[in-house]
Amino acid sequence: MDSEHKEFKKLRRDRFGVKMISASFLLIGGMLFATFLMAYLDPDATIKVNDVPTTSPKAKLQAVIFSSFFVLIGIAGLLTPKRLLNRMLIARASLMPSTGENLLQKQYRLMSDHPVPFCSFFAIFMLIAIGGDFLEKITDGESISSVIPEFLFVLGFGTAFFYFGFKFMAWMMLKMGGHSLRGDQRDT
């Protein structure tokens, strides 16, 4: 009975942590969103892009869209029902290390055994990062058929770079710590 009480207490604490992180995303993202929205609505306002002041409405719109993601993440985290949050936290706990496997070993194994979710995450990140540049090329008059091959190449190369880069970093950190790639045995 006492261990059940500890588990519920830990679950409650983790739920509170998620809500606090979500509130932070909402607060900071809201400030960024409001600032960039005001800059977007004012045609004379300047923002810095790569340390170059610009009044370009496209750059301002990209800043508004980027900062809105933080607001959306915060709202989603705060409005997540308790039941769904409990399920997610219990699923996360089942992925955490147990019986002799440290977190890096778990990460390396998950990336090796299930590459699709990781590659999907990196592909979405790359879409957000480079999508605006390619939309700008299309709106500037370039044909879609000339932009799509370059876009797909950059998307694929960037996704592979991030995936194998993170996998290499996990492998390097494991080797530097003297751990093997699987299990709890240490290399000597």
C-alpha atoms as a PDB file:
ATOM      1  CA  MET A   1       0.000   0.000   0.000  1.00  0.00           C
ATOM      2  CA  ASP A   2       2.869   2.341   0.824  1.00  0.00           C
ATOM      3  CA  SER A   3       4.525   1.800  -2.578  1.00  0.00           C
ATOM      4  CA  GLU A   4       1.235   2.600  -4.349  1.00  0.00           C
ATOM      5  CA  HIS A   5       1.061   5.865  -2.432  1.00  0.00           C
ATOM      6  CA  LYS A   6       4.615   6.705  -3.554  1.00  0.00           C
ATOM      7  CA  GLU A   7       3.737   5.987  -7.182  1.00  0.00           C
ATOM      8  CA  PHE A   8       0.648   8.201  -7.072  1.00  0.00           C
ATOM      9  CA  LYS A   9       2.635  10.950  -5.377  1.00  0.00           C
ATOM     10  CA  LYS A  10       5.333  10.724  -8.077  1.00  0.00           C
ATOM     11  CA  LEU A  11       2.674  10.779 -10.805  1.00  0.00           C
ATOM     12  CA  ARG A  12       1.089  13.884  -9.259  1.00  0.00           C
ATOM     13  CA  ARG A  13       4.507  15.574  -9.038  1.00  0.00           C
ATOM     14  CA  ASP A  14       5.291  14.723 -12.675  1.00  0.00           C
ATOM     15  CA  ARG A  15       1.890  16.073 -13.780  1.00  0.00           C
ATOM     16  CA  PHE A  16       2.614  19.302 -11.932  1.00  0.00           C
ATOM     17  CA  GLY A  17       6.014  19.502 -13.642  1.00  0.00           C
ATOM     18  CA  VAL A  18       4.425  19.133 -17.086  1.00  0.00           C
ATOM     19  CA  LYS A  19       1.904  21.849 -16.263  1.00  0.00           C
ATOM     20  CA  MET A  20       4.670  24.187 -15.065  1.00  0.00           C
ATOM     21  CA  ILE A  21       6.729  23.598 -18.205  1.00  0.00           C
ATOM     22  CA  SER A  22       3.628  24.207 -20.322  1.00  0.00           C
ATOM     23  CA  ALA A  23       2.910  27.427 -18.438  1.00  0.00           C
ATOM     24  CA  SER A  24       6.493  28.544 -19.078  1.00  0.00           C
ATOM     25  CA  PHE A  25       6.105  27.819 -22.788  1.00  0.00           C
ATOM     26  CA  LEU A  26       2.853  29.778 -22.824  1.00  0.00           C
ATOM     27  CA  LEU A  27       4.261  32.744 -20.901  1.00  0.00           C
ATOM     28  CA  ILE A  28       7.511  33.109 -22.832  1.00  0.00           C
ATOM     29  CA  GLY A  29       5.935  32.209 -26.165  1.00  0.00           C
ATOM     30  CA  GLY A  30       3.119  34.685 -25.514  1.00  0.00           C
ATOM     31  CA  MET A  31       5.604  37.475 -24.906  1.00  0.00           C
ATOM     32  CA  LEU A  32       7.521  36.578 -28.073  1.00  0.00           C
ATOM     33  CA  PHE A  33       4.302  36.266 -30.064  1.00  0.00           C
ATOM     34  CA  ALA A  34       2.989  39.634 -28.882  1.00  0.00           C
ATOM     35  CA  THR A  35       6.297  41.350 -29.630  1.00  0.00           C
ATOM     36  CA  PHE A  36       6.614  39.913 -33.124  1.00  0.00           C
ATOM     37  CA  LEU A  37       2.916  40.452 -33.881  1.00  0.00           C
ATOM     38  CA  MET A  38       3.239  44.133 -33.010  1.00  0.00           C
ATOM     39  CA  ALA A  39       6.362  44.336 -35.183  1.00  0.00           C
ATOM     40  CA  TYR A  40       4.507  42.615 -38.026  1.00  0.00           C
ATOM     41  CA  LEU A  41       1.569  45.006 -37.825  1.00  0.00           C
ATOM     42  CA  ASP A  42       3.855  48.070 -37.806  1.00  0.00           C
ATOM     43  CA  PRO A  43       5.367  48.521 -41.298  1.00  0.00           C
ATOM     44  CA  ASP A  44       8.212  50.694 -39.964  1.00  0.00           C
ATOM     45  CA  ALA A  45       9.284  48.307 -37.190  1.00  0.00           C
ATOM     46  CA  THR A  46      12.571  46.477 -37.664  1.00  0.00           C
ATOM     47  CA  ILE A  47      13.658  43.077 -36.432  1.00  0.00           C
ATOM     48  CA  LYS A  48      17.090  41.503 -36.630  1.00  0.00           C
ATOM     49  CA  VAL A  49      17.519  38.471 -38.856  1.00  0.00           C
ATOM     50  CA  ASN A  50      21.051  37.056 -38.744  1.00  0.00           C
ATOM     51  CA  ASP A  51      22.213  40.299 -37.099  1.00  0.00           C
ATOM     52  CA  VAL A  52      20.886  42.375 -40.018  1.00  0.00           C
ATOM     53  CA  PRO A  53      18.026  44.797 -39.242  1.00  0.00           C
ATOM     54  CA  THR A  54      15.126  44.329 -41.663  1.00  0.00           C
ATOM     55  CA  THR A  55      11.604  45.642 -42.156  1.00  0.00           C
ATOM     56  CA  SER A  56      10.627  42.763 -44.446  1.00  0.00           C
ATOM     57  CA  PRO A  57       7.063  41.596 -43.751  1.00  0.00           C
ATOM     58  CA  LYS A  58       8.054  38.017 -44.698  1.00  0.00           C
ATOM     59  CA  ALA A  59      10.731  37.899 -41.994  1.00  0.00           C
ATOM     60  CA  LYS A  60       8.299  39.354 -39.470  1.00  0.00           C
ATOM     61  CA  LEU A  61       5.626  36.819 -40.437  1.00  0.00           C
ATOM     62  CA  GLN A  62       8.106  33.953 -40.021  1.00  0.00           C
ATOM     63  CA  ALA A  63       8.944  35.261 -36.541  1.00  0.00           C
ATOM     64  CA  VAL A  64       5.232  35.426 -35.666  1.00  0.00           C
ATOM     65  CA  ILE A  65       4.641  31.869 -36.906  1.00  0.00           C
ATOM     66  CA  PHE A  66       7.723  30.528 -35.103  1.00  0.00           C
ATOM     67  CA  SER A  67       6.759  32.132 -31.790  1.00  0.00           C
ATOM     68  CA  SER A  68       3.180  30.878 -32.139  1.00  0.00           C
ATOM     69  CA  PHE A  69       4.484  27.297 -31.883  1.00  0.00           C
ATOM     70  CA  PHE A  70       5.593  27.994 -28.306  1.00  0.00           C
ATOM     71  CA  VAL A  71       2.143  29.336 -27.470  1.00  0.00           C
ATOM     72  CA  LEU A  72       0.465  26.289 -29.023  1.00  0.00           C
ATOM     73  CA  ILE A  73       2.734  23.889 -27.129  1.00  0.00           C
ATOM     74  CA  GLY A  74       1.955  25.703 -23.874  1.00  0.00           C
ATOM     75  CA  ILE A  75      -1.795  25.667 -24.489  1.00  0.00           C
ATOM     76  CA  ALA A  76      -1.733  21.993 -25.484  1.00  0.00           C
ATOM     77  CA  GLY A  77       0.191  21.072 -22.343  1.00  0.00           C
ATOM     78  CA  LEU A  78      -2.083  23.066 -20.052  1.00  0.00           C
ATOM     79  CA  LEU A  79      -5.289  21.752 -21.609  1.00  0.00           C
ATOM     80  CA  THR A  80      -4.201  18.121 -21.714  1.00  0.00           C
ATOM     81  CA  PRO A  81      -6.721  16.111 -19.681  1.00  0.00           C
ATOM     82  CA  LYS A  82      -5.457  14.507 -16.484  1.00  0.00           C
ATOM     83  CA  ARG A  83      -6.257  11.023 -17.716  1.00  0.00           C
ATOM     84  CA  LEU A  84      -4.267  11.438 -20.961  1.00  0.00           C
ATOM     85  CA  LEU A  85      -1.391  13.043 -19.090  1.00  0.00           C
ATOM     86  CA  ASN A  86      -1.303  10.086 -16.683  1.00  0.00           C
ATOM     87  CA  ARG A  87      -1.153   7.672 -19.631  1.00  0.00           C
ATOM     88  CA  MET A  88       1.697   9.619 -21.233  1.00  0.00           C
ATOM     89  CA  LEU A  89       3.659   9.769 -17.984  1.00  0.00           C
ATOM     90  CA  ILE A  90       3.167   6.050 -17.327  1.00  0.00           C
ATOM     91  CA  ALA A  91       4.290   5.259 -20.900  1.00  0.00           C
ATOM     92  CA  ARG A  92       7.333   7.512 -20.403  1.00  0.00           C
ATOM     93  CA  ALA A  93       8.150   5.713 -17.164  1.00  0.00           C
ATOM     94  CA  SER A  94       8.099   2.385 -19.004  1.00  0.00           C
ATOM     95  CA  LEU A  95      10.708   3.772 -21.419  1.00  0.00           C
ATOM     96  CA  MET A  96      12.990   4.946 -18.629  1.00  0.00           C
ATOM     97  CA  PRO A  97      16.008   2.852 -17.737  1.00  0.00           C
ATOM     98  CA  SER A  98      15.544  -0.173 -15.576  1.00  0.00           C
ATOM     99  CA  THR A  99      17.721  -3.123 -14.575  1.00  0.00           C
ATOM    100  CA  GLY A 100      21.173  -2.030 -15.567  1.00  0.00           C
ATOM    101  CA  GLU A 101      20.622   0.085 -18.650  1.00  0.00           C
ATOM    102  CA  ASN A 102      21.470   3.776 -18.395  1.00  0.00           C
ATOM    103  CA  LEU A 103      19.559   6.483 -20.243  1.00  0.00           C
ATOM    104  CA  LEU A 104      22.095   6.858 -23.066  1.00  0.00           C
ATOM    105  CA  GLN A 105      22.049   3.112 -23.691  1.00  0.00           C
ATOM    106  CA  LYS A 106      18.250   3.239 -23.796  1.00  0.00           C
ATOM    107  CA  GLN A 107      18.335   6.189 -26.232  1.00  0.00           C
ATOM    108  CA  TYR A 108      20.861   4.468 -28.498  1.00  0.00           C
ATOM    109  CA  ARG A 109      18.866   1.222 -28.483  1.00  0.00           C
ATOM    110  CA  LEU A 110      15.579   3.018 -29.213  1.00  0.00           C
ATOM    111  CA  MET A 111      17.146   4.978 -32.079  1.00  0.00           C
ATOM    112  CA  SER A 112      18.618   1.780 -33.522  1.00  0.00           C
ATOM    113  CA  ASP A 113      15.524  -0.385 -33.108  1.00  0.00           C
ATOM    114  CA  HIS A 114      12.873   2.211 -34.053  1.00  0.00           C
ATOM    115  CA  PRO A 115      14.330   4.826 -36.431  1.00  0.00           C
ATOM    116  CA  VAL A 116      10.995   5.948 -37.953  1.00  0.00           C
ATOM    117  CA  PRO A 117       9.720   8.065 -34.998  1.00  0.00           C
ATOM    118  CA  PHE A 118      13.089   9.766 -34.626  1.00  0.00           C
ATOM    119  CA  CYS A 119      13.384  10.439 -38.358  1.00  0.00           C
ATOM    120  CA  SER A 120       9.812  11.781 -38.399  1.00  0.00           C
ATOM    121  CA  PHE A 121      10.644  14.179 -35.580  1.00  0.00           C
ATOM    122  CA  PHE A 122      13.748  15.424 -37.392  1.00  0.00           C
ATOM    123  CA  ALA A 123      11.847  15.709 -40.692  1.00  0.00           C
ATOM    124  CA  ILE A 124       9.184  17.887 -39.024  1.00  0.00           C
ATOM    125  CA  PHE A 125      11.936  20.008 -37.492  1.00  0.00           C
ATOM    126  CA  MET A 126      13.577  20.409 -40.904  1.00  0.00           C
ATOM    127  CA  LEU A 127      10.227  21.300 -42.522  1.00  0.00           C
ATOM    128  CA  ILE A 128       9.785  24.102 -39.997  1.00  0.00           C
ATOM    129  CA  ALA A 129      13.386  25.239 -40.379  1.00  0.00           C
ATOM    130  CA  ILE A 130      13.608  25.342 -44.181  1.00  0.00           C
ATOM    131  CA  GLY A 131       9.990  25.525 -45.329  1.00  0.00           C
ATOM    132  CA  GLY A 132       9.876  29.330 -45.223  1.00  0.00           C
ATOM    133  CA  ASP A 133      12.863  29.702 -47.528  1.00  0.00           C
ATOM    134  CA  PHE A 134      11.324  27.466 -50.169  1.00  0.00           C
ATOM    135  CA  LEU A 135       7.933  29.193 -49.876  1.00  0.00           C
ATOM    136  CA  GLU A 136       9.736  32.479 -50.437  1.00  0.00           C
ATOM    137  CA  LYS A 137      11.386  31.093 -53.582  1.00  0.00           C
ATOM    138  CA  ILE A 138       7.988  30.003 -54.908  1.00  0.00           C
ATOM    139  CA  THR A 139       6.370  33.379 -54.159  1.00  0.00           C
ATOM    140  CA  ASP A 140       9.307  35.147 -55.836  1.00  0.00           C
ATOM    141  CA  GLY A 141       8.403  33.465 -59.111  1.00  0.00           C
ATOM    142  CA  GLU A 142      10.415  30.252 -59.285  1.00  0.00           C
ATOM    143  CA  SER A 143       8.488  27.257 -60.577  1.00  0.00           C
ATOM    144  CA  ILE A 144       7.466  24.573 -58.126  1.00  0.00           C
ATOM    145  CA  SER A 145       9.052  21.872 -60.300  1.00  0.00           C
ATOM    146  CA  SER A 146      12.465  23.511 -59.880  1.00  0.00           C
ATOM    147  CA  VAL A 147      12.082  24.024 -56.131  1.00  0.00           C
ATOM    148  CA  ILE A 148      10.742  20.582 -55.086  1.00  0.00           C
ATOM    149  CA  PRO A 149      13.869  18.494 -55.933  1.00  0.00           C
ATOM    150  CA  GLU A 150      16.105  20.883 -53.994  1.00  0.00           C
ATOM    151  CA  PHE A 151      13.610  20.929 -51.128  1.00  0.00           C
ATOM    152  CA  LEU A 152      13.433  17.130 -50.946  1.00  0.00           C
ATOM    153  CA  PHE A 153      17.222  16.835 -51.096  1.00  0.00           C
ATOM    154  CA  VAL A 154      17.727  19.356 -48.276  1.00  0.00           C
ATOM    155  CA  LEU A 155      14.933  17.740 -46.229  1.00  0.00           C
ATOM    156  CA  GLY A 156      16.351  14.218 -46.641  1.00  0.00           C
ATOM    157  CA  PHE A 157      19.959  15.234 -46.074  1.00  0.00           C
ATOM    158  CA  GLY A 158      19.076  17.346 -43.039  1.00  0.00           C
ATOM    159  CA  THR A 159      16.962  14.589 -41.497  1.00  0.00           C
ATOM    160  CA  ALA A 160      19.717  12.014 -42.000  1.00  0.00           C
ATOM    161  CA  PHE A 161      22.311  14.436 -40.624  1.00  0.00           C
ATOM    162  CA  PHE A 162      20.315  15.062 -37.439  1.00  0.00           C
ATOM    163  CA  TYR A 163      19.423  11.397 -36.927  1.00  0.00           C
ATOM    164  CA  PHE A 164      22.920  10.017 -37.421  1.00  0.00           C
ATOM    165  CA  GLY A 165      24.432  13.002 -35.600  1.00  0.00           C
ATOM    166  CA  PHE A 166      22.373  12.326 -32.474  1.00  0.00           C
ATOM    167  CA  LYS A 167      23.050   8.614 -32.734  1.00  0.00           C
ATOM    168  CA  PHE A 168      26.790   9.273 -33.047  1.00  0.00           C
ATOM    169  CA  MET A 169      26.722  11.637 -30.052  1.00  0.00           C
ATOM    170  CA  ALA A 170      24.977   9.000 -27.924  1.00  0.00           C
ATOM    171  CA  TRP A 171      27.505   6.376 -29.047  1.00  0.00           C
ATOM    172  CA  MET A 172      30.450   8.706 -28.307  1.00  0.00           C
ATOM    173  CA  MET A 173      29.146   9.592 -24.849  1.00  0.00           C
ATOM    174  CA  LEU A 174      28.641   5.902 -24.048  1.00  0.00           C
ATOM    175  CA  LYS A 175      32.172   5.058 -25.138  1.00  0.00           C
ATOM    176  CA  MET A 176      33.651   7.989 -23.208  1.00  0.00           C
ATOM    177  CA  GLY A 177      31.795   6.790 -20.102  1.00  0.00           C
ATOM    178  CA  GLY A 178      33.179   3.277 -20.545  1.00  0.00           C
ATOM    179  CA  HIS A 179      29.753   1.710 -21.175  1.00  0.00           C
ATOM    180  CA  SER A 180      28.891  -0.883 -23.761  1.00  0.00           C
ATOM    181  CA  LEU A 181      26.123  -0.151 -26.247  1.00  0.00           C
ATOM    182  CA  ARG A 182      23.718  -2.624 -24.649  1.00  0.00           C
ATOM    183  CA  GLY A 183      23.211  -3.977 -21.145  1.00  0.00           C
ATOM    184  CA  ASP A 184      24.988  -3.046 -17.952  1.00  0.00           C
ATOM    185  CA  GLN A 185      28.449  -4.456 -18.675  1.00  0.00           C
ATOM    186  CA  ARG A 186      31.266  -1.898 -18.690  1.00  0.00           C
ATOM    187  CA  ASP A 187      34.140  -2.003 -21.160  1.00  0.00           C
ATOM    188  CA  THR A 188      37.516  -2.248 -19.411  1.00  0.00           C
END
